[in-house]
Amino acid sequence: QTVEGERKPIYHTNVMMCLAETFAVICLDSIDDKKERKNVLKHLKEDRKEVIVITEDQVANFAGNMLQVRGLDNKRFLVMSQAAHDSLTTAQIKTIEKHCDILSSSLETIETCGGGSARCMMAEIFLPKN
């Protein structure tokens, strides 16, 4: 990723990529190795994910730091901050909304003080219901 005009490694993929059930939001420009970038895209397509490409500017606004969840009625939602939502284009939002509804809220305090966003505050539970 580019930080203050300098290339630096991504500290974890949650900031530049969101893997949802049927789609992926990813900043391909943050993968400098062209072979690795191609390999990541290949695997996403093999998994039948619709790929939504975001920019490094959108990553800086936490657009990679999203998490898909399911509600009590099994309905899917993509949780993100308002900053992430505001950074997305209309086309990107429409593509996401083909797959699930978007839930966004201001996380300005968390993003400013903690450096993370929605995905950093949540975790998935994959346990079967008893």
N, C-alpha and C. Protein backbone atom coordinates (compact mmCIF):
# COMPACT_ATOMS: atom_id res chain seq x y z
N GLN A 1 0.84 -1.17 0.00
CA GLN A 1 0.00 0.00 0.00
C GLN A 1 0.89 1.23 0.00
N THR A 2 0.34 2.32 -0.45
CA THR A 2 1.08 3.58 -0.44
C THR A 2 0.66 4.39 0.78
N VAL A 3 1.65 4.74 1.62
CA VAL A 3 1.41 5.54 2.81
C VAL A 3 2.34 6.74 2.74
N GLU A 4 1.74 7.93 2.68
CA GLU A 4 2.52 9.17 2.59
C GLU A 4 3.55 9.09 1.46
N GLY A 5 3.11 8.58 0.31
CA GLY A 5 3.95 8.52 -0.88
C GLY A 5 4.97 7.39 -0.89
N GLU A 6 4.94 6.52 0.10
CA GLU A 6 5.92 5.43 0.21
C GLU A 6 5.20 4.08 0.23
N ARG A 7 5.75 3.08 -0.51
CA ARG A 7 5.16 1.75 -0.52
C ARG A 7 5.51 1.03 0.78
N LYS A 8 4.48 0.50 1.44
CA LYS A 8 4.67 -0.25 2.68
C LYS A 8 3.81 -1.50 2.64
N PRO A 9 4.25 -2.56 3.34
CA PRO A 9 3.44 -3.79 3.34
C PRO A 9 2.11 -3.59 4.09
N ILE A 10 1.10 -4.29 3.63
CA ILE A 10 -0.18 -4.32 4.33
C ILE A 10 0.03 -5.15 5.60
N TYR A 11 -0.43 -4.66 6.74
CA TYR A 11 -0.19 -5.39 7.99
C TYR A 11 -1.14 -6.56 8.18
N HIS A 12 -2.32 -6.53 7.61
CA HIS A 12 -3.17 -7.72 7.50
C HIS A 12 -4.23 -7.48 6.44
N THR A 13 -4.72 -8.58 5.86
CA THR A 13 -5.59 -8.46 4.68
C THR A 13 -6.94 -7.83 4.98
N ASN A 14 -7.35 -7.78 6.25
CA ASN A 14 -8.66 -7.18 6.57
C ASN A 14 -8.77 -5.73 6.15
N VAL A 15 -7.64 -5.05 5.95
CA VAL A 15 -7.72 -3.64 5.57
C VAL A 15 -7.89 -3.45 4.07
N MET A 16 -7.54 -4.45 3.27
CA MET A 16 -7.59 -4.29 1.82
C MET A 16 -8.52 -5.28 1.12
N MET A 17 -9.16 -6.15 1.89
CA MET A 17 -10.00 -7.17 1.26
C MET A 17 -11.10 -7.62 2.20
N CYS A 18 -12.29 -7.77 1.64
CA CYS A 18 -13.43 -8.32 2.36
C CYS A 18 -13.95 -9.50 1.56
N LEU A 19 -13.92 -10.68 2.16
CA LEU A 19 -14.47 -11.87 1.50
C LEU A 19 -15.87 -12.13 2.03
N ALA A 20 -16.84 -12.02 1.16
CA ALA A 20 -18.22 -12.31 1.53
C ALA A 20 -18.62 -13.64 0.89
N GLU A 21 -19.85 -14.04 1.11
CA GLU A 21 -20.29 -15.35 0.62
C GLU A 21 -20.25 -15.46 -0.90
N THR A 22 -20.71 -14.42 -1.60
CA THR A 22 -20.79 -14.50 -3.06
C THR A 22 -19.98 -13.43 -3.78
N PHE A 23 -19.27 -12.60 -3.02
CA PHE A 23 -18.48 -11.54 -3.64
C PHE A 23 -17.26 -11.23 -2.79
N ALA A 24 -16.34 -10.49 -3.38
CA ALA A 24 -15.14 -10.04 -2.67
C ALA A 24 -14.89 -8.59 -3.02
N VAL A 25 -14.57 -7.80 -2.01
CA VAL A 25 -14.15 -6.41 -2.19
C VAL A 25 -12.64 -6.42 -1.98
N ILE A 26 -11.88 -5.94 -2.97
CA ILE A 26 -10.42 -6.07 -2.87
C ILE A 26 -9.71 -4.91 -3.55
N CYS A 27 -8.61 -4.49 -2.95
CA CYS A 27 -7.73 -3.48 -3.54
C CYS A 27 -6.58 -4.21 -4.22
N LEU A 28 -6.71 -4.42 -5.51
CA LEU A 28 -5.68 -5.13 -6.26
C LEU A 28 -4.39 -4.34 -6.34
N ASP A 29 -4.48 -3.01 -6.32
CA ASP A 29 -3.28 -2.17 -6.39
C ASP A 29 -2.38 -2.33 -5.17
N SER A 30 -2.90 -2.89 -4.09
CA SER A 30 -2.07 -3.09 -2.90
C SER A 30 -1.24 -4.38 -2.98
N ILE A 31 -1.47 -5.17 -4.02
CA ILE A 31 -0.68 -6.39 -4.25
C ILE A 31 0.34 -6.07 -5.33
N ASP A 32 1.56 -5.76 -4.92
CA ASP A 32 2.58 -5.32 -5.87
C ASP A 32 3.04 -6.41 -6.82
N ASP A 33 3.15 -7.63 -6.34
CA ASP A 33 3.61 -8.75 -7.16
C ASP A 33 2.50 -9.12 -8.15
N LYS A 34 2.74 -8.86 -9.43
CA LYS A 34 1.71 -9.08 -10.46
C LYS A 34 1.28 -10.55 -10.54
N LYS A 35 2.21 -11.47 -10.33
CA LYS A 35 1.85 -12.90 -10.34
C LYS A 35 0.92 -13.22 -9.18
N GLU A 36 1.22 -12.67 -8.02
CA GLU A 36 0.39 -12.92 -6.85
C GLU A 36 -0.99 -12.28 -7.03
N ARG A 37 -1.03 -11.09 -7.60
CA ARG A 37 -2.30 -10.41 -7.88
C ARG A 37 -3.16 -11.27 -8.80
N LYS A 38 -2.54 -11.79 -9.85
CA LYS A 38 -3.25 -12.64 -10.81
C LYS A 38 -3.73 -13.93 -10.13
N ASN A 39 -2.91 -14.49 -9.25
CA ASN A 39 -3.26 -15.71 -8.54
C ASN A 39 -4.44 -15.48 -7.60
N VAL A 40 -4.45 -14.37 -6.89
CA VAL A 40 -5.56 -14.04 -5.99
C VAL A 40 -6.86 -13.91 -6.79
N LEU A 41 -6.80 -13.19 -7.91
CA LEU A 41 -7.98 -13.03 -8.77
C LEU A 41 -8.47 -14.37 -9.29
N LYS A 42 -7.54 -15.21 -9.70
CA LYS A 42 -7.88 -16.55 -10.21
C LYS A 42 -8.66 -17.34 -9.16
N HIS A 43 -8.17 -17.33 -7.93
CA HIS A 43 -8.83 -18.09 -6.86
C HIS A 43 -10.20 -17.50 -6.51
N LEU A 44 -10.32 -16.19 -6.52
CA LEU A 44 -11.62 -15.58 -6.25
C LEU A 44 -12.63 -15.98 -7.33
N LYS A 45 -12.19 -15.97 -8.57
CA LYS A 45 -13.09 -16.35 -9.67
C LYS A 45 -13.42 -17.83 -9.63
N GLU A 46 -12.43 -18.67 -9.27
CA GLU A 46 -12.70 -20.11 -9.12
C GLU A 46 -13.73 -20.36 -8.02
N ASP A 47 -13.71 -19.53 -7.00
CA ASP A 47 -14.69 -19.63 -5.91
C ASP A 47 -16.02 -18.96 -6.26
N ARG A 48 -16.13 -18.50 -7.50
CA ARG A 48 -17.34 -17.85 -8.03
C ARG A 48 -17.72 -16.58 -7.27
N LYS A 49 -16.71 -15.86 -6.83
CA LYS A 49 -16.95 -14.58 -6.16
C LYS A 49 -17.03 -13.48 -7.22
N GLU A 50 -18.01 -12.61 -7.11
CA GLU A 50 -18.00 -11.41 -7.93
C GLU A 50 -16.99 -10.46 -7.31
N VAL A 51 -16.04 -9.98 -8.11
CA VAL A 51 -14.95 -9.16 -7.60
C VAL A 51 -15.30 -7.68 -7.75
N ILE A 52 -15.23 -6.97 -6.64
CA ILE A 52 -15.46 -5.52 -6.61
C ILE A 52 -14.12 -4.89 -6.25
N VAL A 53 -13.52 -4.21 -7.21
CA VAL A 53 -12.19 -3.64 -7.01
C VAL A 53 -12.31 -2.25 -6.38
N ILE A 54 -11.53 -2.04 -5.32
CA ILE A 54 -11.47 -0.72 -4.67
C ILE A 54 -10.06 -0.14 -4.83
N THR A 55 -9.96 1.15 -4.63
CA THR A 55 -8.69 1.86 -4.79
C THR A 55 -7.97 1.98 -3.44
N GLU A 56 -6.71 2.39 -3.51
CA GLU A 56 -5.97 2.62 -2.27
C GLU A 56 -6.58 3.77 -1.46
N ASP A 57 -7.13 4.77 -2.14
CA ASP A 57 -7.82 5.86 -1.43
C ASP A 57 -9.04 5.32 -0.67
N GLN A 58 -9.75 4.38 -1.28
CA GLN A 58 -10.90 3.78 -0.60
C GLN A 58 -10.44 2.92 0.58
N VAL A 59 -9.31 2.23 0.43
CA VAL A 59 -8.74 1.48 1.56
C VAL A 59 -8.43 2.43 2.71
N ALA A 60 -7.88 3.59 2.40
CA ALA A 60 -7.56 4.59 3.43
C ALA A 60 -8.82 5.07 4.15
N ASN A 61 -9.97 4.90 3.50
CA ASN A 61 -11.26 5.25 4.11
C ASN A 61 -12.00 4.01 4.62
N PHE A 62 -11.25 2.92 4.82
CA PHE A 62 -11.74 1.69 5.45
C PHE A 62 -12.71 0.88 4.60
N ALA A 63 -12.67 1.06 3.27
CA ALA A 63 -13.57 0.30 2.40
C ALA A 63 -13.19 -1.17 2.28
N GLY A 64 -12.01 -1.57 2.71
CA GLY A 64 -11.67 -2.99 2.74
C GLY A 64 -12.02 -3.63 4.07
N ASN A 65 -12.36 -2.83 5.06
CA ASN A 65 -12.56 -3.30 6.42
C ASN A 65 -14.05 -3.47 6.70
N MET A 66 -14.65 -4.43 6.00
CA MET A 66 -16.08 -4.71 6.08
C MET A 66 -16.26 -6.17 6.47
N LEU A 67 -17.44 -6.52 6.93
CA LEU A 67 -17.73 -7.91 7.27
C LEU A 67 -19.17 -8.24 6.92
N GLN A 68 -19.36 -9.36 6.22
CA GLN A 68 -20.71 -9.82 5.93
C GLN A 68 -21.19 -10.67 7.10
N VAL A 69 -22.42 -10.40 7.53
CA VAL A 69 -23.04 -11.14 8.63
C VAL A 69 -24.44 -11.58 8.20
N ARG A 70 -25.04 -12.45 9.00
CA ARG A 70 -26.42 -12.86 8.78
C ARG A 70 -27.25 -12.46 9.99
N GLY A 71 -28.44 -11.96 9.71
CA GLY A 71 -29.37 -11.60 10.77
C GLY A 71 -30.13 -12.82 11.27
N LEU A 72 -30.98 -12.60 12.25
CA LEU A 72 -31.77 -13.70 12.82
C LEU A 72 -32.63 -14.40 11.77
N ASP A 73 -33.08 -13.65 10.78
CA ASP A 73 -33.91 -14.22 9.73
C ASP A 73 -33.07 -14.79 8.59
N ASN A 74 -31.77 -14.93 8.81
CA ASN A 74 -30.81 -15.48 7.84
C ASN A 74 -30.51 -14.52 6.69
N LYS A 75 -30.99 -13.30 6.78
CA LYS A 75 -30.73 -12.30 5.75
C LYS A 75 -29.29 -11.81 5.88
N ARG A 76 -28.62 -11.62 4.74
CA ARG A 76 -27.23 -11.17 4.73
C ARG A 76 -27.14 -9.65 4.76
N PHE A 77 -26.13 -9.16 5.49
CA PHE A 77 -25.82 -7.74 5.56
C PHE A 77 -24.31 -7.57 5.42
N LEU A 78 -23.89 -6.47 4.83
CA LEU A 78 -22.48 -6.11 4.82
C LEU A 78 -22.33 -4.92 5.76
N VAL A 79 -21.56 -5.12 6.83
CA VAL A 79 -21.36 -4.09 7.85
C VAL A 79 -20.11 -3.30 7.51
N MET A 80 -20.24 -1.97 7.52
CA MET A 80 -19.11 -1.09 7.22
C MET A 80 -19.32 0.25 7.93
N SER A 81 -18.26 1.02 7.98
CA SER A 81 -18.37 2.35 8.56
C SER A 81 -18.98 3.32 7.55
N GLN A 82 -19.44 4.44 8.05
CA GLN A 82 -19.96 5.48 7.16
C GLN A 82 -18.86 6.00 6.24
N ALA A 83 -17.64 6.11 6.76
CA ALA A 83 -16.51 6.56 5.94
C ALA A 83 -16.28 5.61 4.78
N ALA A 84 -16.34 4.31 5.05
CA ALA A 84 -16.19 3.31 3.98
C ALA A 84 -17.31 3.47 2.96
N HIS A 85 -18.54 3.56 3.46
CA HIS A 85 -19.69 3.70 2.56
C HIS A 85 -19.56 4.95 1.69
N ASP A 86 -19.19 6.06 2.31
CA ASP A 86 -19.07 7.32 1.57
C ASP A 86 -17.98 7.27 0.51
N SER A 87 -16.99 6.40 0.69
CA SER A 87 -15.89 6.31 -0.28
C SER A 87 -16.24 5.45 -1.49
N LEU A 88 -17.29 4.64 -1.38
CA LEU A 88 -17.67 3.75 -2.48
C LEU A 88 -18.38 4.52 -3.59
N THR A 89 -18.19 4.05 -4.81
CA THR A 89 -18.91 4.65 -5.94
C THR A 89 -20.33 4.09 -5.98
N THR A 90 -21.18 4.77 -6.72
CA THR A 90 -22.56 4.29 -6.89
C THR A 90 -22.56 2.89 -7.49
N ALA A 91 -21.70 2.65 -8.47
CA ALA A 91 -21.63 1.33 -9.11
C ALA A 91 -21.20 0.25 -8.12
N GLN A 92 -20.23 0.56 -7.26
CA GLN A 92 -19.79 -0.41 -6.26
C GLN A 92 -20.91 -0.73 -5.27
N ILE A 93 -21.63 0.29 -4.84
CA ILE A 93 -22.74 0.08 -3.91
C ILE A 93 -23.82 -0.78 -4.56
N LYS A 94 -24.16 -0.50 -5.80
CA LYS A 94 -25.17 -1.29 -6.51
C LYS A 94 -24.74 -2.74 -6.64
N THR A 95 -23.46 -2.97 -6.90
CA THR A 95 -22.96 -4.34 -7.02
C THR A 95 -23.07 -5.06 -5.69
N ILE A 96 -22.68 -4.42 -4.61
CA ILE A 96 -22.80 -5.03 -3.28
C ILE A 96 -24.26 -5.33 -2.98
N GLU A 97 -25.15 -4.39 -3.30
CA GLU A 97 -26.57 -4.55 -2.98
C GLU A 97 -27.25 -5.65 -3.80
N LYS A 98 -26.60 -6.13 -4.86
CA LYS A 98 -27.11 -7.31 -5.57
C LYS A 98 -26.99 -8.55 -4.69
N HIS A 99 -26.05 -8.51 -3.75
CA HIS A 99 -25.75 -9.67 -2.91
C HIS A 99 -26.33 -9.57 -1.50
N CYS A 100 -26.40 -8.35 -0.96
CA CYS A 100 -26.88 -8.18 0.42
C CYS A 100 -27.16 -6.70 0.68
N ASP A 101 -27.84 -6.45 1.78
CA ASP A 101 -28.07 -5.07 2.21
C ASP A 101 -26.82 -4.54 2.91
N ILE A 102 -26.67 -3.24 2.91
CA ILE A 102 -25.53 -2.59 3.56
C ILE A 102 -25.99 -1.97 4.88
N LEU A 103 -25.22 -2.21 5.93
CA LEU A 103 -25.41 -1.53 7.21
C LEU A 103 -24.19 -0.67 7.45
N SER A 104 -24.38 0.63 7.55
CA SER A 104 -23.24 1.52 7.80
C SER A 104 -23.57 2.47 8.95
N SER A 105 -22.54 2.81 9.68
CA SER A 105 -22.69 3.69 10.83
C SER A 105 -21.37 4.43 11.04
N SER A 106 -21.45 5.60 11.62
CA SER A 106 -20.23 6.34 11.91
C SER A 106 -19.39 5.59 12.94
N LEU A 107 -18.15 5.34 12.59
CA LEU A 107 -17.19 4.72 13.50
C LEU A 107 -15.96 5.62 13.60
N GLU A 108 -16.21 6.92 13.46
CA GLU A 108 -15.13 7.90 13.41
C GLU A 108 -14.18 7.81 14.61
N THR A 109 -14.73 7.65 15.80
CA THR A 109 -13.87 7.58 16.99
C THR A 109 -12.97 6.35 16.93
N ILE A 110 -13.54 5.20 16.59
CA ILE A 110 -12.75 3.96 16.48
C ILE A 110 -11.71 4.10 15.38
N GLU A 111 -12.11 4.61 14.22
CA GLU A 111 -11.19 4.74 13.09
C GLU A 111 -10.06 5.72 13.39
N THR A 112 -10.37 6.79 14.09
CA THR A 112 -9.35 7.80 14.40
C THR A 112 -8.42 7.35 15.52
N CYS A 113 -8.99 6.82 16.58
CA CYS A 113 -8.18 6.47 17.76
C CYS A 113 -7.58 5.07 17.67
N GLY A 114 -8.31 4.14 17.07
CA GLY A 114 -7.85 2.75 17.05
C GLY A 114 -7.19 2.32 15.77
N GLY A 115 -7.45 3.03 14.69
CA GLY A 115 -6.86 2.69 13.41
C GLY A 115 -7.58 1.60 12.65
N GLY A 116 -8.57 0.98 13.25
CA GLY A 116 -9.35 -0.05 12.58
C GLY A 116 -10.75 0.45 12.30
N SER A 117 -11.60 -0.46 11.82
CA SER A 117 -12.97 -0.07 11.50
C SER A 117 -13.91 -1.23 11.81
N ALA A 118 -14.99 -1.36 11.05
CA ALA A 118 -16.06 -2.32 11.34
C ALA A 118 -15.54 -3.75 11.48
N ARG A 119 -14.76 -4.20 10.53
CA ARG A 119 -14.28 -5.59 10.54
C ARG A 119 -13.42 -5.86 11.77
N CYS A 120 -12.65 -4.89 12.19
CA CYS A 120 -11.77 -5.06 13.35
C CYS A 120 -12.55 -5.19 14.65
N MET A 121 -13.81 -4.78 14.64
CA MET A 121 -14.62 -4.79 15.85
C MET A 121 -15.51 -6.03 15.95
N MET A 122 -15.49 -6.88 14.92
CA MET A 122 -16.43 -8.00 14.85
C MET A 122 -15.70 -9.30 14.55
N ALA A 123 -16.38 -10.40 14.79
CA ALA A 123 -15.84 -11.71 14.46
C ALA A 123 -16.99 -12.60 14.00
N GLU A 124 -16.67 -13.58 13.18
CA GLU A 124 -17.67 -14.52 12.71
C GLU A 124 -17.80 -15.67 13.70
N ILE A 125 -18.99 -16.26 13.74
CA ILE A 125 -19.22 -17.48 14.51
C ILE A 125 -19.76 -18.52 13.53
N PHE A 126 -19.04 -19.62 13.41
CA PHE A 126 -19.43 -20.65 12.45
C PHE A 126 -19.93 -21.91 13.14
N LEU A 127 -20.35 -21.80 14.39
CA LEU A 127 -20.84 -22.96 15.13
C LEU A 127 -22.26 -23.30 14.70
N PRO A 128 -22.59 -24.59 14.63
CA PRO A 128 -23.97 -24.96 14.29
C PRO A 128 -24.90 -24.61 15.45
N LYS A 129 -26.14 -24.30 15.11
CA LYS A 129 -27.14 -24.02 16.15
C LYS A 129 -27.50 -25.32 16.85
N ASN A 130 -27.65 -25.27 18.17
CA ASN A 130 -28.05 -26.46 18.94
C ASN A 130 -29.54 -26.55 19.06
